[in-house]
Amino acid sequence: MSDGYYDKEGHEITQDDWVELSKKESKMVCYTVVGDSGVSTVWLGIDHRLGEGRPLIFETLIMGGPNANDMWRYTTSEEAEFGHLEVVKALIAGRIDMSEVPE
């Protein structure tokens, strides 16, 4: 049974290893400003899934603007980077629809 801690590559690690990685490595994956909104994508390293399935260890969050606090979570850094770009494109286009942004 996993403790729910993962490195950036998705490998299970101990809580102590996660603490050390958190001290050494930046959690930021991407950050973009679009108008009055900031779009932040970070490595959480702690599984935020509810129930069964792949661990959700990355998160994109919109800060500010009409979509403030909209959030998406991902399993891999590649998914997180792609999702970040999709959120940014949607904001630039003036549309954000939770169903249009990949999770």
N, C-alpha and C. Protein backbone atom coordinates (compact mmCIF):
# COMPACT_ATOMS: atom_id res chain seq x y z
N MET A 1 0.85 -1.19 0.00
CA MET A 1 0.00 0.00 0.00
C MET A 1 0.89 1.24 0.00
N SER A 2 0.57 2.14 -0.87
CA SER A 2 1.35 3.38 -0.99
C SER A 2 0.99 4.35 0.11
N ASP A 3 1.98 5.15 0.50
CA ASP A 3 1.72 6.24 1.45
C ASP A 3 1.11 7.44 0.73
N GLY A 4 1.06 7.36 -0.61
CA GLY A 4 0.48 8.44 -1.38
C GLY A 4 1.45 9.53 -1.78
N TYR A 5 2.75 9.26 -1.68
CA TYR A 5 3.78 10.23 -2.07
C TYR A 5 4.48 9.76 -3.33
N TYR A 6 4.73 10.71 -4.26
CA TYR A 6 5.31 10.37 -5.55
C TYR A 6 6.32 11.43 -5.97
N ASP A 7 7.37 10.99 -6.66
CA ASP A 7 8.30 11.96 -7.24
C ASP A 7 7.70 12.49 -8.54
N LYS A 8 8.40 13.37 -9.21
CA LYS A 8 7.88 14.00 -10.43
C LYS A 8 7.71 13.03 -11.59
N GLU A 9 8.39 11.89 -11.51
CA GLU A 9 8.27 10.88 -12.56
C GLU A 9 7.15 9.88 -12.26
N GLY A 10 6.48 10.04 -11.12
CA GLY A 10 5.37 9.17 -10.77
C GLY A 10 5.75 7.93 -10.00
N HIS A 11 7.00 7.87 -9.53
CA HIS A 11 7.43 6.72 -8.72
C HIS A 11 7.03 6.93 -7.26
N GLU A 12 6.55 5.87 -6.63
CA GLU A 12 6.19 5.95 -5.22
C GLU A 12 7.44 6.21 -4.39
N ILE A 13 7.32 7.10 -3.42
CA ILE A 13 8.42 7.42 -2.52
C ILE A 13 7.87 7.52 -1.10
N THR A 14 8.77 7.59 -0.15
CA THR A 14 8.34 7.73 1.24
C THR A 14 8.04 9.20 1.54
N GLN A 15 7.37 9.43 2.64
CA GLN A 15 7.09 10.80 3.06
C GLN A 15 8.41 11.56 3.29
N ASP A 16 9.38 10.90 3.89
CA ASP A 16 10.67 11.55 4.12
C ASP A 16 11.34 11.96 2.80
N ASP A 17 11.28 11.07 1.81
CA ASP A 17 11.84 11.40 0.49
C ASP A 17 11.10 12.58 -0.13
N TRP A 18 9.76 12.61 0.02
CA TRP A 18 8.96 13.72 -0.51
C TRP A 18 9.36 15.04 0.15
N VAL A 19 9.57 15.01 1.45
CA VAL A 19 10.00 16.22 2.17
C VAL A 19 11.33 16.72 1.61
N GLU A 20 12.27 15.80 1.43
CA GLU A 20 13.58 16.19 0.90
C GLU A 20 13.48 16.73 -0.52
N LEU A 21 12.69 16.06 -1.38
CA LEU A 21 12.51 16.55 -2.75
C LEU A 21 11.85 17.94 -2.75
N SER A 22 10.90 18.13 -1.87
CA SER A 22 10.20 19.42 -1.79
C SER A 22 11.15 20.55 -1.40
N LYS A 23 12.17 20.24 -0.62
CA LYS A 23 13.15 21.24 -0.21
C LYS A 23 14.12 21.56 -1.36
N LYS A 24 14.46 20.54 -2.15
CA LYS A 24 15.50 20.67 -3.17
C LYS A 24 14.98 21.15 -4.52
N GLU A 25 13.77 20.75 -4.89
CA GLU A 25 13.27 20.99 -6.23
C GLU A 25 12.10 21.96 -6.22
N SER A 26 12.02 22.75 -7.28
CA SER A 26 10.88 23.65 -7.43
C SER A 26 9.62 22.83 -7.71
N LYS A 27 8.53 23.23 -7.12
CA LYS A 27 7.26 22.57 -7.39
C LYS A 27 6.59 23.14 -8.63
N MET A 28 7.04 24.32 -9.09
CA MET A 28 6.43 24.98 -10.23
C MET A 28 6.74 24.23 -11.53
N VAL A 29 5.70 23.96 -12.30
CA VAL A 29 5.85 23.37 -13.62
C VAL A 29 5.71 24.46 -14.66
N CYS A 30 4.64 25.26 -14.57
CA CYS A 30 4.39 26.36 -15.50
C CYS A 30 3.62 27.45 -14.77
N TYR A 31 3.83 28.70 -15.21
CA TYR A 31 3.03 29.82 -14.70
C TYR A 31 2.84 30.80 -15.85
N THR A 32 1.58 31.19 -16.08
CA THR A 32 1.26 32.11 -17.17
C THR A 32 0.22 33.10 -16.67
N VAL A 33 0.39 34.37 -17.06
CA VAL A 33 -0.60 35.39 -16.74
C VAL A 33 -1.41 35.67 -18.01
N VAL A 34 -2.74 35.64 -17.87
CA VAL A 34 -3.65 35.97 -18.96
C VAL A 34 -4.63 36.99 -18.41
N GLY A 35 -4.48 38.25 -18.83
CA GLY A 35 -5.35 39.30 -18.32
C GLY A 35 -5.20 39.42 -16.82
N ASP A 36 -6.32 39.30 -16.10
CA ASP A 36 -6.29 39.41 -14.64
C ASP A 36 -6.22 38.06 -13.94
N SER A 37 -5.87 37.03 -14.71
CA SER A 37 -5.78 35.67 -14.14
C SER A 37 -4.36 35.15 -14.23
N GLY A 38 -3.96 34.42 -13.22
CA GLY A 38 -2.71 33.66 -13.25
C GLY A 38 -3.06 32.19 -13.36
N VAL A 39 -2.33 31.48 -14.20
CA VAL A 39 -2.53 30.03 -14.34
C VAL A 39 -1.26 29.37 -13.83
N SER A 40 -1.40 28.61 -12.76
CA SER A 40 -0.27 27.97 -12.11
C SER A 40 -0.42 26.46 -12.20
N THR A 41 0.65 25.81 -12.64
CA THR A 41 0.68 24.35 -12.65
C THR A 41 1.88 23.91 -11.82
N VAL A 42 1.60 23.04 -10.84
CA VAL A 42 2.62 22.63 -9.89
C VAL A 42 2.61 21.11 -9.69
N TRP A 43 3.77 20.62 -9.24
CA TRP A 43 3.89 19.24 -8.79
C TRP A 43 3.52 19.23 -7.31
N LEU A 44 2.51 18.45 -6.97
CA LEU A 44 2.09 18.31 -5.58
C LEU A 44 2.88 17.20 -4.88
N GLY A 45 3.06 16.10 -5.60
CA GLY A 45 3.78 14.97 -5.05
C GLY A 45 2.98 14.12 -4.08
N ILE A 46 1.77 14.56 -3.77
CA ILE A 46 0.87 13.82 -2.89
C ILE A 46 -0.36 13.48 -3.71
N ASP A 47 -0.75 12.23 -3.68
CA ASP A 47 -1.88 11.78 -4.48
C ASP A 47 -3.18 12.41 -3.99
N HIS A 48 -3.87 13.11 -4.89
CA HIS A 48 -5.13 13.77 -4.56
C HIS A 48 -6.34 13.10 -5.23
N ARG A 49 -6.18 11.88 -5.69
CA ARG A 49 -7.32 11.19 -6.31
C ARG A 49 -8.33 10.82 -5.23
N LEU A 50 -9.52 10.69 -5.65
CA LEU A 50 -10.58 10.21 -4.76
C LEU A 50 -10.98 8.84 -5.25
N GLY A 51 -10.65 7.84 -4.53
CA GLY A 51 -10.97 6.48 -4.95
C GLY A 51 -9.83 5.85 -5.72
N GLU A 52 -10.18 4.90 -6.57
CA GLU A 52 -9.19 4.13 -7.32
C GLU A 52 -8.73 4.90 -8.56
N GLY A 53 -7.62 4.45 -9.10
CA GLY A 53 -7.13 5.04 -10.34
C GLY A 53 -5.71 5.53 -10.22
N ARG A 54 -5.27 6.19 -11.28
CA ARG A 54 -3.91 6.70 -11.34
C ARG A 54 -3.73 7.84 -10.34
N PRO A 55 -2.56 7.96 -9.74
CA PRO A 55 -2.34 9.04 -8.77
C PRO A 55 -2.38 10.41 -9.44
N LEU A 56 -3.03 11.36 -8.80
CA LEU A 56 -3.10 12.74 -9.29
C LEU A 56 -2.13 13.57 -8.48
N ILE A 57 -0.96 13.86 -9.08
CA ILE A 57 0.13 14.49 -8.33
C ILE A 57 0.55 15.85 -8.90
N PHE A 58 -0.13 16.31 -9.94
CA PHE A 58 0.10 17.64 -10.50
C PHE A 58 -1.22 18.39 -10.52
N GLU A 59 -1.15 19.72 -10.45
CA GLU A 59 -2.38 20.51 -10.39
C GLU A 59 -2.23 21.83 -11.15
N THR A 60 -3.25 22.17 -11.92
CA THR A 60 -3.36 23.49 -12.55
C THR A 60 -4.47 24.24 -11.85
N LEU A 61 -4.19 25.49 -11.49
CA LEU A 61 -5.15 26.32 -10.78
C LEU A 61 -5.18 27.71 -11.41
N ILE A 62 -6.39 28.22 -11.62
CA ILE A 62 -6.56 29.60 -12.08
C ILE A 62 -6.72 30.48 -10.85
N MET A 63 -5.91 31.53 -10.79
CA MET A 63 -5.97 32.48 -9.67
C MET A 63 -6.39 33.84 -10.21
N GLY A 64 -7.45 34.38 -9.68
CA GLY A 64 -7.95 35.68 -10.10
C GLY A 64 -8.85 35.58 -11.32
N GLY A 65 -9.63 36.64 -11.53
CA GLY A 65 -10.54 36.67 -12.67
C GLY A 65 -11.80 35.88 -12.43
N PRO A 66 -12.64 35.82 -13.45
CA PRO A 66 -13.95 35.15 -13.29
C PRO A 66 -13.86 33.64 -13.10
N ASN A 67 -12.74 33.04 -13.46
CA ASN A 67 -12.58 31.59 -13.30
C ASN A 67 -11.68 31.23 -12.12
N ALA A 68 -11.51 32.17 -11.20
CA ALA A 68 -10.64 31.93 -10.04
C ALA A 68 -11.03 30.63 -9.34
N ASN A 69 -10.03 29.88 -8.99
CA ASN A 69 -10.15 28.62 -8.25
C ASN A 69 -10.59 27.42 -9.09
N ASP A 70 -10.78 27.60 -10.42
CA ASP A 70 -10.99 26.43 -11.27
C ASP A 70 -9.70 25.62 -11.23
N MET A 71 -9.82 24.30 -11.17
CA MET A 71 -8.65 23.46 -10.94
C MET A 71 -8.76 22.16 -11.71
N TRP A 72 -7.61 21.66 -12.16
CA TRP A 72 -7.50 20.38 -12.83
C TRP A 72 -6.31 19.65 -12.25
N ARG A 73 -6.40 18.31 -12.19
CA ARG A 73 -5.30 17.52 -11.65
C ARG A 73 -4.89 16.45 -12.65
N TYR A 74 -3.60 16.07 -12.59
CA TYR A 74 -3.02 15.18 -13.58
C TYR A 74 -2.08 14.17 -12.93
N THR A 75 -1.79 13.13 -13.69
CA THR A 75 -0.90 12.07 -13.23
C THR A 75 0.55 12.33 -13.62
N THR A 76 0.79 12.81 -14.84
CA THR A 76 2.16 12.98 -15.33
C THR A 76 2.47 14.45 -15.60
N SER A 77 3.77 14.75 -15.65
CA SER A 77 4.18 16.12 -15.96
C SER A 77 3.78 16.49 -17.39
N GLU A 78 3.80 15.52 -18.31
CA GLU A 78 3.39 15.78 -19.69
C GLU A 78 1.91 16.17 -19.75
N GLU A 79 1.07 15.43 -19.04
CA GLU A 79 -0.36 15.77 -18.98
C GLU A 79 -0.55 17.15 -18.36
N ALA A 80 0.21 17.44 -17.31
CA ALA A 80 0.09 18.73 -16.62
C ALA A 80 0.49 19.88 -17.53
N GLU A 81 1.58 19.73 -18.27
CA GLU A 81 2.02 20.79 -19.18
C GLU A 81 1.00 20.99 -20.30
N PHE A 82 0.48 19.91 -20.86
CA PHE A 82 -0.54 20.00 -21.90
C PHE A 82 -1.80 20.66 -21.35
N GLY A 83 -2.25 20.22 -20.18
CA GLY A 83 -3.45 20.81 -19.57
C GLY A 83 -3.27 22.29 -19.30
N HIS A 84 -2.07 22.68 -18.83
CA HIS A 84 -1.78 24.09 -18.57
C HIS A 84 -1.95 24.89 -19.85
N LEU A 85 -1.36 24.42 -20.93
CA LEU A 85 -1.47 25.14 -22.21
C LEU A 85 -2.91 25.23 -22.69
N GLU A 86 -3.68 24.18 -22.48
CA GLU A 86 -5.10 24.19 -22.89
C GLU A 86 -5.90 25.21 -22.08
N VAL A 87 -5.62 25.30 -20.78
CA VAL A 87 -6.30 26.30 -19.94
C VAL A 87 -5.93 27.70 -20.40
N VAL A 88 -4.64 27.93 -20.66
CA VAL A 88 -4.19 29.24 -21.12
C VAL A 88 -4.85 29.60 -22.45
N LYS A 89 -4.87 28.66 -23.40
CA LYS A 89 -5.52 28.92 -24.70
C LYS A 89 -7.00 29.25 -24.52
N ALA A 90 -7.67 28.52 -23.63
CA ALA A 90 -9.10 28.77 -23.39
C ALA A 90 -9.31 30.16 -22.80
N LEU A 91 -8.45 30.56 -21.87
CA LEU A 91 -8.58 31.90 -21.28
C LEU A 91 -8.33 32.98 -22.32
N ILE A 92 -7.32 32.80 -23.16
CA ILE A 92 -7.02 33.77 -24.20
C ILE A 92 -8.19 33.89 -25.17
N ALA A 93 -8.82 32.77 -25.48
CA ALA A 93 -9.96 32.76 -26.40
C ALA A 93 -11.24 33.29 -25.73
N GLY A 94 -11.16 33.53 -24.43
CA GLY A 94 -12.32 34.05 -23.72
C GLY A 94 -13.35 33.00 -23.37
N ARG A 95 -12.94 31.77 -23.34
CA ARG A 95 -13.86 30.70 -22.98
C ARG A 95 -13.16 29.72 -22.07
N ILE A 96 -13.84 29.33 -21.07
CA ILE A 96 -13.34 28.26 -20.20
C ILE A 96 -14.53 27.36 -19.93
N ASP A 97 -14.41 26.14 -20.28
CA ASP A 97 -15.45 25.16 -20.05
C ASP A 97 -14.72 23.95 -19.47
N MET A 98 -15.06 23.60 -18.25
CA MET A 98 -14.37 22.52 -17.56
C MET A 98 -14.31 21.25 -18.41
N SER A 99 -15.33 21.01 -19.24
CA SER A 99 -15.35 19.79 -20.03
C SER A 99 -14.36 19.86 -21.20
N GLU A 100 -13.90 21.05 -21.56
CA GLU A 100 -12.99 21.19 -22.70
C GLU A 100 -11.52 21.09 -22.32
N VAL A 101 -11.22 21.10 -21.04
CA VAL A 101 -9.84 21.04 -20.60
C VAL A 101 -9.57 19.62 -20.11
N PRO A 102 -8.52 18.99 -20.69
CA PRO A 102 -8.26 17.59 -20.31
C PRO A 102 -7.85 17.47 -18.86
N GLU A 103 -8.25 16.33 -18.28
CA GLU A 103 -7.85 16.01 -16.90
C GLU A 103 -6.90 14.86 -16.91
